[in-house]
Structures are given as C-alpha cells and as structure tokens.
Amino acid sequence: GGADPALPPGDMYSQDGDADEPEWVKTEREQFVEFRDKNRDGKMDKEETKDWILPSDYDHAEAEARHLVYESDQDKDGKLTREEIVDKSDLFVGSQATDFGEALVRHDEF
C-alpha cells in the first residue's frame, strides 16, 4: 500500500514493507525509553507527558526571546534594530514575550 493521500507528509511514518526505519523513529524510540517513560511501563502517563511538554528546567521567556531575535535579526549581529523589529512586527505583536505587543508601546528601547 502506498501513502494515504489523505494523510499529510512529514511526521507520518508507515511500516508497510519498510524494513529500514528512518533515523528520527530510532531517535524517538530511544528518547522515549531513556527519558519519557520514567516508570518503564511502556506508556506515558499524565506526569510523564507534562514533563515532556513542559520540562521544569525550560525557561519559556528566554526561549521566546531567542526565537524573536533569531527570526528578526536579519543581519545576524545578535541585536535588533528598529527596522528589523518593524519588518517582523507581526511576530512581536503575536508573542507572549512582548505581552502580545503591549511591551512595544511601553518601552523606550523599542
């Protein structure tokens, strides 16, 4: 059976007749066994899922700030100019890091 046209490509992985599983499947399986399934019962319970989606050591503000700089810093100098922010204003207005655009109004540095 070929690929189901109703399914989007990408993360879908089908085992029909494919002995060589993709590298990401192997990696995911190892990640699951090593880190995600902490009690080794073969399933992810509520706590294990929460740790996976929202790791306690994950700094959301920093990650969001890095994302904004990465996406907006066109000359990749590590700094954002007014022009770079204006060019990507939709990104900033849609971001929790700027309180959905509110911070842009309040801060002189913007």
C-alpha atoms as a PDB file:
ATOM      1  CA  GLY A   1       0.000   0.000   0.000  1.00  0.00           C
ATOM      2  CA  GLY A   2       1.283   3.451  -0.935  1.00  0.00           C
ATOM      3  CA  ALA A   3       0.961   6.592   1.108  1.00  0.00           C
ATOM      4  CA  ASP A   4      -2.581   7.566   2.024  1.00  0.00           C
ATOM      5  CA  PRO A   5      -3.256  10.805   0.115  1.00  0.00           C
ATOM      6  CA  ALA A   6      -5.486  11.967   2.992  1.00  0.00           C
ATOM      7  CA  LEU A   7      -2.549  11.957   5.395  1.00  0.00           C
ATOM      8  CA  PRO A   8      -0.110  14.875   5.400  1.00  0.00           C
ATOM      9  CA  PRO A   9       3.535  14.007   4.737  1.00  0.00           C
ATOM     10  CA  GLY A  10       6.173  14.826   7.301  1.00  0.00           C
ATOM     11  CA  ASP A  11       5.981  13.177  10.685  1.00  0.00           C
ATOM     12  CA  MET A  12       3.784  10.355   9.481  1.00  0.00           C
ATOM     13  CA  TYR A  13       5.637   7.052   9.427  1.00  0.00           C
ATOM     14  CA  SER A  14       4.167   3.912   7.993  1.00  0.00           C
ATOM     15  CA  GLN A  15       5.721   0.495   8.474  1.00  0.00           C
ATOM     16  CA  ASP A  16       4.221  -1.240   5.460  1.00  0.00           C
ATOM     17  CA  GLY A  17       7.076  -3.108   3.824  1.00  0.00           C
ATOM     18  CA  ASP A  18       9.733  -0.651   5.037  1.00  0.00           C
ATOM     19  CA  ALA A  19      12.356  -2.595   6.995  1.00  0.00           C
ATOM     20  CA  ASP A  20      14.674   0.382   7.405  1.00  0.00           C
ATOM     21  CA  GLU A  21      13.030   2.742   9.832  1.00  0.00           C
ATOM     22  CA  PRO A  22      14.022   6.404   9.490  1.00  0.00           C
ATOM     23  CA  GLU A  23      16.634   7.797  11.856  1.00  0.00           C
ATOM     24  CA  TRP A  24      14.076  10.028  13.627  1.00  0.00           C
ATOM     25  CA  VAL A  25      11.999   6.975  14.549  1.00  0.00           C
ATOM     26  CA  LYS A  26      15.026   5.312  16.175  1.00  0.00           C
ATOM     27  CA  THR A  27      15.856   8.550  17.990  1.00  0.00           C
ATOM     28  CA  GLU A  28      12.295   8.994  19.207  1.00  0.00           C
ATOM     29  CA  ARG A  29      12.172   5.408  20.451  1.00  0.00           C
ATOM     30  CA  GLU A  30      15.444   5.866  22.374  1.00  0.00           C
ATOM     31  CA  GLN A  31      14.231   9.191  23.801  1.00  0.00           C
ATOM     32  CA  PHE A  32      11.018   7.517  24.883  1.00  0.00           C
ATOM     33  CA  VAL A  33      12.751   4.626  26.653  1.00  0.00           C
ATOM     34  CA  GLU A  34      15.542   6.746  28.162  1.00  0.00           C
ATOM     35  CA  PHE A  35      13.738   9.908  29.231  1.00  0.00           C
ATOM     36  CA  ARG A  36       9.997   9.986  28.679  1.00  0.00           C
ATOM     37  CA  ASP A  37       8.756   6.667  30.073  1.00  0.00           C
ATOM     38  CA  LYS A  38      10.221   7.202  33.542  1.00  0.00           C
ATOM     39  CA  ASN A  39       8.468   4.260  35.204  1.00  0.00           C
ATOM     40  CA  ARG A  40       9.204   1.976  32.215  1.00  0.00           C
ATOM     41  CA  ASP A  41       5.611   0.803  31.787  1.00  0.00           C
ATOM     42  CA  GLY A  42       5.666   1.348  28.010  1.00  0.00           C
ATOM     43  CA  LYS A  43       3.205   4.245  28.221  1.00  0.00           C
ATOM     44  CA  MET A  44       3.426   7.918  29.084  1.00  0.00           C
ATOM     45  CA  ASP A  45       1.192   8.808  31.997  1.00  0.00           C
ATOM     46  CA  LYS A  46      -0.044  12.305  32.775  1.00  0.00           C
ATOM     47  CA  GLU A  47       3.079  13.356  34.730  1.00  0.00           C
ATOM     48  CA  GLU A  48       5.482  11.951  32.131  1.00  0.00           C
ATOM     49  CA  THR A  49       3.590  13.767  29.375  1.00  0.00           C
ATOM     50  CA  LYS A  50       3.641  17.008  31.348  1.00  0.00           C
ATOM     51  CA  ASP A  51       7.428  16.737  31.870  1.00  0.00           C
ATOM     52  CA  TRP A  52       7.864  16.140  28.158  1.00  0.00           C
ATOM     53  CA  ILE A  53       5.702  19.059  27.018  1.00  0.00           C
ATOM     54  CA  LEU A  54       6.654  21.492  29.819  1.00  0.00           C
ATOM     55  CA  PRO A  55      10.031  20.495  31.253  1.00  0.00           C
ATOM     56  CA  SER A  56      10.579  22.118  34.647  1.00  0.00           C
ATOM     57  CA  ASP A  57      14.039  23.396  33.627  1.00  0.00           C
ATOM     58  CA  TYR A  58      12.721  25.072  30.462  1.00  0.00           C
ATOM     59  CA  ASP A  59      12.784  28.866  30.532  1.00  0.00           C
ATOM     60  CA  HIS A  60       9.871  29.944  28.352  1.00  0.00           C
ATOM     61  CA  ALA A  61      10.691  33.658  28.411  1.00  0.00           C
ATOM     62  CA  GLU A  62      14.268  33.059  27.319  1.00  0.00           C
ATOM     63  CA  ALA A  63      13.227  30.590  24.631  1.00  0.00           C
ATOM     64  CA  GLU A  64      10.640  33.036  23.270  1.00  0.00           C
ATOM     65  CA  ALA A  65      13.156  35.902  23.318  1.00  0.00           C
ATOM     66  CA  ARG A  66      15.734  33.786  21.458  1.00  0.00           C
ATOM     67  CA  HIS A  67      13.073  32.843  18.921  1.00  0.00           C
ATOM     68  CA  LEU A  68      12.165  36.503  18.325  1.00  0.00           C
ATOM     69  CA  VAL A  69      15.811  37.504  17.877  1.00  0.00           C
ATOM     70  CA  TYR A  70      16.522  34.511  15.636  1.00  0.00           C
ATOM     71  CA  GLU A  71      13.536  35.227  13.404  1.00  0.00           C
ATOM     72  CA  SER A  72      14.013  39.014  13.249  1.00  0.00           C
ATOM     73  CA  ASP A  73      17.785  39.586  13.311  1.00  0.00           C
ATOM     74  CA  GLN A  74      18.291  39.841   9.547  1.00  0.00           C
ATOM     75  CA  ASP A  75      21.995  40.738   9.628  1.00  0.00           C
ATOM     76  CA  LYS A  76      22.594  38.145  12.385  1.00  0.00           C
ATOM     77  CA  ASP A  77      24.566  40.550  14.600  1.00  0.00           C
ATOM     78  CA  GLY A  78      22.742  39.448  17.739  1.00  0.00           C
ATOM     79  CA  LYS A  79      20.978  42.812  18.073  1.00  0.00           C
ATOM     80  CA  LEU A  80      17.643  44.033  16.805  1.00  0.00           C
ATOM     81  CA  THR A  81      17.314  47.371  15.106  1.00  0.00           C
ATOM     82  CA  ARG A  82      14.044  49.285  14.955  1.00  0.00           C
ATOM     83  CA  GLU A  83      13.825  48.337  11.251  1.00  0.00           C
ATOM     84  CA  GLU A  84      14.265  44.630  11.979  1.00  0.00           C
ATOM     85  CA  ILE A  85      11.500  44.768  14.601  1.00  0.00           C
ATOM     86  CA  VAL A  86       9.183  46.730  12.296  1.00  0.00           C
ATOM     87  CA  ASP A  87       9.838  44.253   9.444  1.00  0.00           C
ATOM     88  CA  LYS A  88       8.740  41.407  11.708  1.00  0.00           C
ATOM     89  CA  SER A  89       6.175  43.371  13.715  1.00  0.00           C
ATOM     90  CA  ASP A  90       3.534  40.656  13.301  1.00  0.00           C
ATOM     91  CA  LEU A  91       5.905  38.256  15.088  1.00  0.00           C
ATOM     92  CA  PHE A  92       6.331  40.625  18.038  1.00  0.00           C
ATOM     93  CA  VAL A  93       2.674  41.512  18.322  1.00  0.00           C
ATOM     94  CA  GLY A  94       1.813  37.808  18.389  1.00  0.00           C
ATOM     95  CA  SER A  95       4.393  36.999  21.050  1.00  0.00           C
ATOM     96  CA  GLN A  96       3.947  36.322  24.750  1.00  0.00           C
ATOM     97  CA  ALA A  97       7.423  37.819  25.292  1.00  0.00           C
ATOM     98  CA  THR A  98       6.088  41.258  24.361  1.00  0.00           C
ATOM     99  CA  ASP A  99       2.781  40.648  26.138  1.00  0.00           C
ATOM    100  CA  PHE A 100       1.212  40.417  22.661  1.00  0.00           C
ATOM    101  CA  GLY A 101       2.592  43.791  21.599  1.00  0.00           C
ATOM    102  CA  GLU A 102       1.849  45.727  24.805  1.00  0.00           C
ATOM    103  CA  ALA A 103       5.551  45.940  25.743  1.00  0.00           C
ATOM    104  CA  LEU A 104       6.336  47.633  22.430  1.00  0.00           C
ATOM    105  CA  VAL A 105       4.194  50.583  23.465  1.00  0.00           C
ATOM    106  CA  ARG A 106       5.589  50.907  26.997  1.00  0.00           C
ATOM    107  CA  HIS A 107       9.348  50.619  26.483  1.00  0.00           C
ATOM    108  CA  ASP A 108      11.542  53.378  25.094  1.00  0.00           C
ATOM    109  CA  GLU A 109      14.096  50.885  23.792  1.00  0.00           C
ATOM    110  CA  PHE A 110      11.539  49.680  21.256  1.00  0.00           C
END
